[in-house]
Amino acid sequence: MDERRRRPHPQPLARRNEPVPPTMLGFVGLSDDNKERISKAIEVAKTIVHYGWIPTILFVAYRASNPRPPLMRLISPLA
């Protein structure tokens, strides 16, 4: 068989829900402290996007709908 076909698939940089090590971010000229701060900021941004995506989509859809349903009807499933 050809060697190109037998090569294994490349490994992902990081598994899901694992923080990406600062050395994998490609920030060569930054100090370790700055790399750590950037990594932490990226992790916080991921968390914000993860938990805020669906509420943001619902809010945009609510604002764009015409006529707007009562807000209590959207919040409470029994209303």
Protein backbone atom coordinates (compact mmCIF):
# COMPACT_ATOMS: atom_id res chain seq x y z
CA MET A 1 0.00 0.00 0.00
CA ASP A 2 0.97 3.57 -0.53
CA GLU A 3 2.49 5.27 2.53
CA ARG A 4 0.19 8.26 2.17
CA ARG A 5 -2.86 6.09 2.78
CA ARG A 6 -1.45 4.49 5.92
CA ARG A 7 -0.74 7.68 7.85
CA PRO A 8 -2.88 8.07 10.99
CA HIS A 9 -5.24 10.97 11.34
CA PRO A 10 -3.76 14.00 13.11
CA GLN A 11 -4.65 14.30 16.77
CA PRO A 12 -6.83 17.28 17.80
CA LEU A 13 -5.08 20.07 19.68
CA ALA A 14 -7.34 19.69 22.70
CA ARG A 15 -10.29 17.52 23.60
CA ARG A 16 -13.66 19.08 24.23
CA ASN A 17 -14.02 20.88 27.58
CA GLU A 18 -10.27 20.85 28.20
CA PRO A 19 -8.50 24.20 28.45
CA VAL A 20 -6.08 24.85 25.63
CA PRO A 21 -2.53 25.09 26.97
CA PRO A 22 -0.95 28.50 26.34
CA THR A 23 1.82 26.90 24.30
CA MET A 24 -0.72 25.75 21.72
CA LEU A 25 -2.15 29.22 21.19
CA GLY A 26 0.77 30.36 19.09
CA PHE A 27 1.66 33.42 21.14
CA VAL A 28 5.42 33.16 20.77
CA GLY A 29 6.49 36.66 21.78
CA LEU A 30 4.32 37.00 24.89
CA SER A 31 5.29 36.37 28.48
CA ASP A 32 3.86 33.41 30.35
CA ASP A 33 1.68 35.72 32.43
CA ASN A 34 0.11 37.27 29.33
CA LYS A 35 -0.44 33.85 27.77
CA GLU A 36 -2.23 32.73 30.91
CA ARG A 37 -4.44 35.83 30.93
CA ILE A 38 -5.36 35.36 27.26
CA SER A 39 -6.14 31.68 27.85
CA LYS A 40 -8.37 32.57 30.80
CA ALA A 41 -10.15 35.26 28.77
CA ILE A 42 -10.80 32.76 25.98
CA GLU A 43 -12.20 30.23 28.46
CA VAL A 44 -14.51 32.88 29.97
CA ALA A 45 -15.67 33.92 26.50
CA LYS A 46 -16.41 30.29 25.60
CA THR A 47 -18.51 29.92 28.74
CA ILE A 48 -20.43 33.12 28.05
CA VAL A 49 -21.17 32.08 24.47
CA HIS A 50 -22.11 28.56 25.57
CA TYR A 51 -24.74 29.70 28.08
CA GLY A 52 -25.84 32.88 26.30
CA TRP A 53 -26.38 31.65 22.74
CA ILE A 54 -29.96 30.32 23.02
CA PRO A 55 -31.28 33.21 25.17
CA THR A 56 -29.77 35.66 22.68
CA ILE A 57 -31.47 33.93 19.74
CA LEU A 58 -34.80 33.90 21.61
CA PHE A 59 -34.45 37.59 22.47
CA VAL A 60 -33.68 38.54 18.86
CA ALA A 61 -36.64 36.49 17.62
CA TYR A 62 -38.90 38.08 20.24
CA ARG A 63 -37.83 41.58 19.24
CA ALA A 64 -38.32 40.88 15.54
CA SER A 65 -41.77 39.26 15.82
CA ASN A 66 -44.85 41.23 14.96
CA PRO A 67 -47.13 41.27 16.96
CA ARG A 68 -45.04 40.59 20.02
CA PRO A 69 -46.41 37.93 22.37
CA PRO A 70 -46.74 38.87 26.04
CA LEU A 71 -43.43 38.44 27.84
CA MET A 72 -45.08 36.37 30.63
CA ARG A 73 -46.17 33.85 28.02
CA LEU A 74 -42.58 33.35 26.92
CA ILE A 75 -41.18 33.05 30.44
CA SER A 76 -43.79 30.79 32.05
CA PRO A 77 -44.67 27.49 30.36
CA LEU A 78 -48.06 27.40 32.16
CA ALA A 79 -49.26 30.85 31.04
